[in-house]
């Protein structure tokens, strides 16, 4: 599997999967940048972020368009894409999203995740 396919597969899991996916694929600490009021923002532990992945707030019908990958150094990769998805409450949501991953001995881990709603 290509690096791009692997990272986008992991990324899709953050939208659609639950706590186990978060615990497996988040770095020890992760920087979140969500502009919406009430959303997590700043540096958080893996456990705190994973605890938010409850069945009642999972997304559905995700589309990731205009995918980009930049790997400036061997152990770091950044992806960006346009997300179109349905919130758990049935409301549509669109954003430009960026995520940075660090390669650790156990695999690629999400270190930064940012949304710019459109």
N, C-alpha and C. Protein backbone atom coordinates (compact mmCIF):
# COMPACT_ATOMS: atom_id res chain seq x y z
N UNK A 1 0.85 -1.18 0.00
CA UNK A 1 0.00 0.00 0.00
C UNK A 1 0.90 1.24 0.00
N UNK A 2 0.55 2.22 -0.81
CA UNK A 2 1.32 3.46 -0.85
C UNK A 2 1.13 4.25 0.44
N UNK A 3 2.07 5.15 0.71
CA UNK A 3 1.96 6.00 1.89
C UNK A 3 0.66 6.81 1.85
N UNK A 4 0.35 7.36 0.69
CA UNK A 4 -0.88 8.16 0.56
C UNK A 4 -2.11 7.32 0.89
N UNK A 5 -2.20 6.14 0.34
CA UNK A 5 -3.35 5.26 0.62
C UNK A 5 -3.41 4.89 2.10
N UNK A 6 -2.26 4.60 2.69
CA UNK A 6 -2.23 4.23 4.11
C UNK A 6 -2.71 5.37 5.00
N UNK A 7 -2.22 6.58 4.75
CA UNK A 7 -2.60 7.71 5.60
C UNK A 7 -4.06 8.09 5.41
N UNK A 8 -4.55 8.05 4.19
CA UNK A 8 -5.96 8.38 3.97
C UNK A 8 -6.87 7.30 4.55
N UNK A 9 -6.42 6.07 4.59
CA UNK A 9 -7.18 5.01 5.23
C UNK A 9 -7.26 5.24 6.74
N UNK A 10 -6.14 5.60 7.35
CA UNK A 10 -6.13 5.94 8.78
C UNK A 10 -7.03 7.13 9.03
N UNK A 11 -6.88 8.15 8.19
CA UNK A 11 -7.66 9.39 8.35
C UNK A 11 -9.16 9.11 8.28
N UNK A 12 -9.59 8.29 7.33
CA UNK A 12 -11.00 7.94 7.21
C UNK A 12 -11.51 7.32 8.51
N UNK A 13 -10.68 6.52 9.14
CA UNK A 13 -11.07 5.91 10.40
C UNK A 13 -11.33 6.91 11.51
N UNK A 14 -10.63 8.04 11.49
CA UNK A 14 -10.90 9.06 12.50
C UNK A 14 -12.28 9.67 12.33
N UNK A 15 -12.78 9.70 11.12
CA UNK A 15 -14.13 10.20 10.88
C UNK A 15 -15.19 9.16 11.22
N UNK A 16 -14.95 7.92 10.84
CA UNK A 16 -16.01 6.91 10.83
C UNK A 16 -15.90 5.83 11.91
N UNK A 17 -14.72 5.62 12.46
CA UNK A 17 -14.54 4.55 13.43
C UNK A 17 -14.64 5.08 14.86
N UNK A 18 -14.41 4.20 15.81
CA UNK A 18 -14.58 4.56 17.21
C UNK A 18 -13.28 4.68 17.98
N UNK A 19 -13.41 4.58 19.28
CA UNK A 19 -12.32 4.82 20.22
C UNK A 19 -11.11 3.93 19.96
N UNK A 20 -11.31 2.68 19.61
CA UNK A 20 -10.18 1.77 19.37
C UNK A 20 -9.28 2.29 18.25
N UNK A 21 -9.89 2.82 17.18
CA UNK A 21 -9.10 3.37 16.08
C UNK A 21 -8.28 4.57 16.57
N UNK A 22 -8.88 5.42 17.36
CA UNK A 22 -8.18 6.59 17.89
C UNK A 22 -7.01 6.16 18.76
N UNK A 23 -7.23 5.21 19.65
CA UNK A 23 -6.16 4.75 20.53
C UNK A 23 -5.00 4.14 19.75
N UNK A 24 -5.30 3.48 18.66
CA UNK A 24 -4.27 2.84 17.84
C UNK A 24 -3.50 3.83 16.98
N UNK A 25 -4.14 4.90 16.51
CA UNK A 25 -3.53 5.76 15.49
C UNK A 25 -3.20 7.18 15.92
N UNK A 26 -3.55 7.58 17.15
CA UNK A 26 -3.16 8.91 17.64
C UNK A 26 -1.76 8.84 18.25
N UNK A 27 -1.00 9.92 18.11
CA UNK A 27 0.26 10.03 18.81
C UNK A 27 -0.04 10.23 20.30
N UNK A 28 0.97 10.18 21.13
CA UNK A 28 0.77 10.31 22.58
C UNK A 28 0.06 11.62 22.91
N UNK A 29 0.43 12.70 22.22
CA UNK A 29 -0.24 13.99 22.36
C UNK A 29 -0.53 14.49 20.95
N UNK A 30 -1.67 15.14 20.79
CA UNK A 30 -2.11 15.57 19.47
C UNK A 30 -2.60 17.01 19.55
N UNK A 31 -2.20 17.83 18.58
CA UNK A 31 -2.67 19.21 18.48
C UNK A 31 -3.92 19.22 17.60
N UNK A 32 -5.01 19.71 18.16
CA UNK A 32 -6.27 19.84 17.43
C UNK A 32 -6.57 21.31 17.21
N UNK A 33 -7.00 21.65 16.01
CA UNK A 33 -7.33 23.04 15.68
C UNK A 33 -8.70 23.06 15.00
N UNK A 34 -9.74 23.17 15.84
CA UNK A 34 -11.11 23.25 15.37
C UNK A 34 -11.64 24.65 15.67
N UNK A 35 -12.11 25.39 14.68
CA UNK A 35 -12.60 26.74 14.93
C UNK A 35 -14.00 26.81 15.53
N UNK A 36 -14.74 25.71 15.50
CA UNK A 36 -16.11 25.74 16.00
C UNK A 36 -16.14 25.83 17.53
N UNK A 37 -17.06 26.63 18.04
CA UNK A 37 -17.24 26.75 19.48
C UNK A 37 -17.60 25.38 20.06
N UNK A 38 -17.02 25.06 21.18
CA UNK A 38 -17.32 23.81 21.85
C UNK A 38 -16.49 22.63 21.40
N UNK A 39 -15.72 22.78 20.32
CA UNK A 39 -14.86 21.70 19.84
C UNK A 39 -13.52 21.75 20.57
N UNK A 40 -12.85 20.61 20.63
CA UNK A 40 -11.53 20.57 21.25
C UNK A 40 -10.55 21.42 20.44
N UNK A 41 -9.70 22.13 21.16
CA UNK A 41 -8.68 22.95 20.52
C UNK A 41 -7.45 22.92 21.43
N UNK A 42 -6.27 22.80 20.84
CA UNK A 42 -5.04 22.78 21.61
C UNK A 42 -4.45 21.38 21.65
N UNK A 43 -3.50 21.18 22.55
CA UNK A 43 -2.81 19.90 22.69
C UNK A 43 -3.55 19.03 23.70
N UNK A 44 -3.83 17.80 23.29
CA UNK A 44 -4.59 16.87 24.13
C UNK A 44 -3.92 15.51 24.13
N UNK A 45 -4.17 14.75 25.17
CA UNK A 45 -3.63 13.39 25.26
C UNK A 45 -4.41 12.46 24.34
N UNK A 46 -3.77 11.37 23.99
CA UNK A 46 -4.40 10.33 23.18
C UNK A 46 -5.71 9.88 23.84
N UNK A 47 -5.68 9.62 25.13
CA UNK A 47 -6.87 9.13 25.84
C UNK A 47 -8.01 10.14 25.81
N UNK A 48 -7.70 11.42 26.00
CA UNK A 48 -8.75 12.44 25.99
C UNK A 48 -9.41 12.57 24.62
N UNK A 49 -8.61 12.52 23.56
CA UNK A 49 -9.17 12.63 22.22
C UNK A 49 -9.97 11.37 21.89
N UNK A 50 -9.43 10.21 22.22
CA UNK A 50 -10.11 8.95 21.93
C UNK A 50 -11.46 8.87 22.64
N UNK A 51 -11.56 9.44 23.81
CA UNK A 51 -12.81 9.41 24.57
C UNK A 51 -13.94 10.15 23.87
N UNK A 52 -13.62 11.01 22.90
CA UNK A 52 -14.66 11.76 22.18
C UNK A 52 -15.29 10.94 21.06
N UNK A 53 -14.69 9.81 20.72
CA UNK A 53 -15.15 9.00 19.58
C UNK A 53 -16.25 8.04 20.02
N UNK A 54 -17.36 8.62 20.43
CA UNK A 54 -18.49 7.83 20.91
C UNK A 54 -19.47 7.56 19.76
N UNK A 55 -20.25 6.50 19.86
CA UNK A 55 -21.21 6.19 18.78
C UNK A 55 -22.17 7.34 18.46
N UNK A 56 -22.55 8.14 19.45
CA UNK A 56 -23.53 9.20 19.20
C UNK A 56 -22.94 10.41 18.47
N UNK A 57 -21.62 10.50 18.32
CA UNK A 57 -21.08 11.64 17.58
C UNK A 57 -20.26 11.22 16.36
N UNK A 58 -20.48 10.03 15.85
CA UNK A 58 -19.76 9.56 14.65
C UNK A 58 -20.38 10.15 13.39
N UNK A 59 -19.54 10.36 12.41
CA UNK A 59 -19.92 10.92 11.12
C UNK A 59 -20.35 9.80 10.19
N UNK A 60 -20.92 10.16 9.03
CA UNK A 60 -21.25 9.15 8.02
C UNK A 60 -21.21 9.80 6.64
N UNK A 61 -21.20 8.95 5.61
CA UNK A 61 -21.20 9.40 4.22
C UNK A 61 -20.04 10.34 3.90
N UNK A 62 -18.85 9.96 4.32
CA UNK A 62 -17.66 10.78 4.12
C UNK A 62 -17.17 10.72 2.68
N UNK A 63 -16.83 11.89 2.15
CA UNK A 63 -16.14 12.01 0.87
C UNK A 63 -14.90 12.87 1.09
N UNK A 64 -13.73 12.37 0.65
CA UNK A 64 -12.49 13.14 0.76
C UNK A 64 -12.00 13.44 -0.66
N UNK A 65 -12.07 14.71 -1.05
CA UNK A 65 -11.70 15.13 -2.41
C UNK A 65 -10.44 15.99 -2.38
N UNK A 66 -9.88 16.21 -3.55
CA UNK A 66 -8.72 17.09 -3.70
C UNK A 66 -7.61 16.70 -2.71
N UNK A 67 -7.28 15.44 -2.69
CA UNK A 67 -6.28 14.91 -1.75
C UNK A 67 -4.87 15.34 -2.13
N UNK A 68 -4.11 15.71 -1.10
CA UNK A 68 -2.70 16.06 -1.28
C UNK A 68 -1.88 15.41 -0.18
N UNK A 69 -0.63 15.11 -0.51
CA UNK A 69 0.32 14.53 0.44
C UNK A 69 1.65 15.24 0.28
N UNK A 70 2.25 15.62 1.40
CA UNK A 70 3.59 16.19 1.43
C UNK A 70 4.38 15.42 2.47
N UNK A 71 5.56 14.93 2.09
CA UNK A 71 6.42 14.24 3.04
C UNK A 71 7.76 14.98 3.08
N UNK A 72 7.86 16.04 3.92
CA UNK A 72 9.07 16.86 3.92
C UNK A 72 10.30 16.15 4.47
N UNK A 73 10.10 15.20 5.36
CA UNK A 73 11.18 14.36 5.89
C UNK A 73 10.65 12.94 6.01
N UNK A 74 11.54 12.00 6.14
CA UNK A 74 11.17 10.58 6.09
C UNK A 74 10.14 10.18 7.15
N UNK A 75 10.23 10.74 8.34
CA UNK A 75 9.36 10.31 9.44
C UNK A 75 8.20 11.26 9.71
N UNK A 76 7.85 12.09 8.72
CA UNK A 76 6.73 13.02 8.88
C UNK A 76 6.00 13.13 7.55
N UNK A 77 4.69 13.18 7.62
CA UNK A 77 3.88 13.34 6.41
C UNK A 77 2.66 14.19 6.75
N UNK A 78 2.26 15.02 5.80
CA UNK A 78 1.11 15.90 5.97
C UNK A 78 0.14 15.62 4.83
N UNK A 79 -1.12 15.45 5.19
CA UNK A 79 -2.15 15.30 4.16
C UNK A 79 -3.14 16.46 4.27
N UNK A 80 -3.80 16.74 3.16
CA UNK A 80 -4.82 17.77 3.13
C UNK A 80 -5.88 17.32 2.13
N UNK A 81 -7.13 17.72 2.39
CA UNK A 81 -8.24 17.31 1.53
C UNK A 81 -9.47 18.14 1.85
N UNK A 82 -10.45 18.05 0.97
CA UNK A 82 -11.75 18.65 1.22
C UNK A 82 -12.67 17.52 1.70
N UNK A 83 -13.22 17.70 2.89
CA UNK A 83 -14.13 16.71 3.46
C UNK A 83 -15.57 17.17 3.28
N UNK A 84 -16.39 16.27 2.80
CA UNK A 84 -17.84 16.47 2.77
C UNK A 84 -18.41 15.26 3.49
N UNK A 85 -19.19 15.53 4.54
CA UNK A 85 -19.62 14.46 5.43
C UNK A 85 -20.93 14.86 6.11
N UNK A 86 -21.61 13.88 6.64
CA UNK A 86 -22.85 14.12 7.36
C UNK A 86 -22.57 13.96 8.86
N UNK A 87 -22.95 14.96 9.63
CA UNK A 87 -22.81 14.88 11.09
C UNK A 87 -23.76 13.82 11.64
N UNK A 88 -23.51 13.41 12.85
CA UNK A 88 -24.37 12.42 13.51
C UNK A 88 -25.81 12.94 13.63
N UNK A 89 -25.97 14.29 13.72
CA UNK A 89 -27.31 14.87 13.84
C UNK A 89 -28.00 15.05 12.49
N UNK A 90 -27.35 14.60 11.40
CA UNK A 90 -27.94 14.69 10.07
C UNK A 90 -27.61 15.96 9.31
N UNK A 91 -26.84 16.86 9.90
CA UNK A 91 -26.47 18.10 9.24
C UNK A 91 -25.23 17.90 8.37
N UNK A 92 -25.23 18.42 7.13
CA UNK A 92 -24.04 18.30 6.29
C UNK A 92 -22.92 19.20 6.81
N UNK A 93 -21.69 18.80 6.55
CA UNK A 93 -20.51 19.54 6.99
C UNK A 93 -19.46 19.45 5.89
N UNK A 94 -18.84 20.58 5.57
CA UNK A 94 -17.75 20.63 4.60
C UNK A 94 -16.60 21.41 5.20
N UNK A 95 -15.38 20.94 4.95
CA UNK A 95 -14.19 21.61 5.49
C UNK A 95 -12.98 21.26 4.65
N UNK A 96 -12.01 22.15 4.68
CA UNK A 96 -10.67 21.84 4.22
C UNK A 96 -9.94 21.33 5.46
N UNK A 97 -9.34 20.16 5.35
CA UNK A 97 -8.75 19.49 6.50
C UNK A 97 -7.27 19.22 6.23
N UNK A 98 -6.45 19.40 7.26
CA UNK A 98 -5.04 19.04 7.21
C UNK A 98 -4.72 18.18 8.42
N UNK A 99 -3.90 17.17 8.20
CA UNK A 99 -3.44 16.30 9.28
C UNK A 99 -1.97 16.01 9.08
N UNK A 100 -1.23 16.04 10.18
CA UNK A 100 0.19 15.71 10.15
C UNK A 100 0.41 14.42 10.93
N UNK A 101 1.19 13.55 10.34
CA UNK A 101 1.50 12.24 10.92
C UNK A 101 2.99 12.11 11.17
N UNK A 102 3.33 11.49 12.30
CA UNK A 102 4.72 11.17 12.64
C UNK A 102 4.88 9.66 12.57
N UNK A 103 5.98 9.22 11.95
CA UNK A 103 6.23 7.78 11.90
C UNK A 103 6.90 7.36 13.21
N UNK A 104 6.27 6.45 13.89
CA UNK A 104 6.77 5.89 15.14
C UNK A 104 7.12 4.43 14.89
N UNK A 105 7.83 3.78 15.82
CA UNK A 105 8.17 2.36 15.61
C UNK A 105 6.95 1.48 15.34
N UNK A 106 5.80 1.83 15.91
CA UNK A 106 4.59 1.02 15.73
C UNK A 106 3.71 1.49 14.58
N UNK A 107 4.17 2.49 13.82
CA UNK A 107 3.43 2.94 12.64
C UNK A 107 3.19 4.44 12.65
N UNK A 108 2.41 4.91 11.67
CA UNK A 108 2.10 6.33 11.53
C UNK A 108 1.07 6.75 12.57
N UNK A 109 1.35 7.88 13.26
CA UNK A 109 0.48 8.38 14.32
C UNK A 109 0.10 9.83 14.01
N UNK A 110 -1.19 10.14 14.23
CA UNK A 110 -1.69 11.49 14.01
C UNK A 110 -1.17 12.41 15.10
N UNK A 111 -0.49 13.49 14.70
CA UNK A 111 0.07 14.46 15.65
C UNK A 111 -0.64 15.81 15.58
N UNK A 112 -1.29 16.11 14.45
CA UNK A 112 -2.00 17.38 14.28
C UNK A 112 -3.19 17.16 13.37
N UNK A 113 -4.32 17.76 13.73
CA UNK A 113 -5.53 17.67 12.90
C UNK A 113 -6.22 19.02 12.94
N UNK A 114 -6.51 19.59 11.76
CA UNK A 114 -7.06 20.94 11.65
C UNK A 114 -8.19 20.98 10.66
N UNK A 115 -9.26 21.72 11.00
CA UNK A 115 -10.41 21.92 10.09
C UNK A 115 -10.58 23.40 9.79
N UNK A 116 -10.88 23.72 8.55
CA UNK A 116 -11.33 25.05 8.14
C UNK A 116 -12.67 24.86 7.44
N UNK A 117 -13.79 25.05 8.16
CA UNK A 117 -15.10 24.85 7.55
C UNK A 117 -15.31 25.74 6.34
N UNK A 118 -16.01 25.19 5.34
CA UNK A 118 -16.32 25.98 4.14
C UNK A 118 -17.81 25.90 3.85
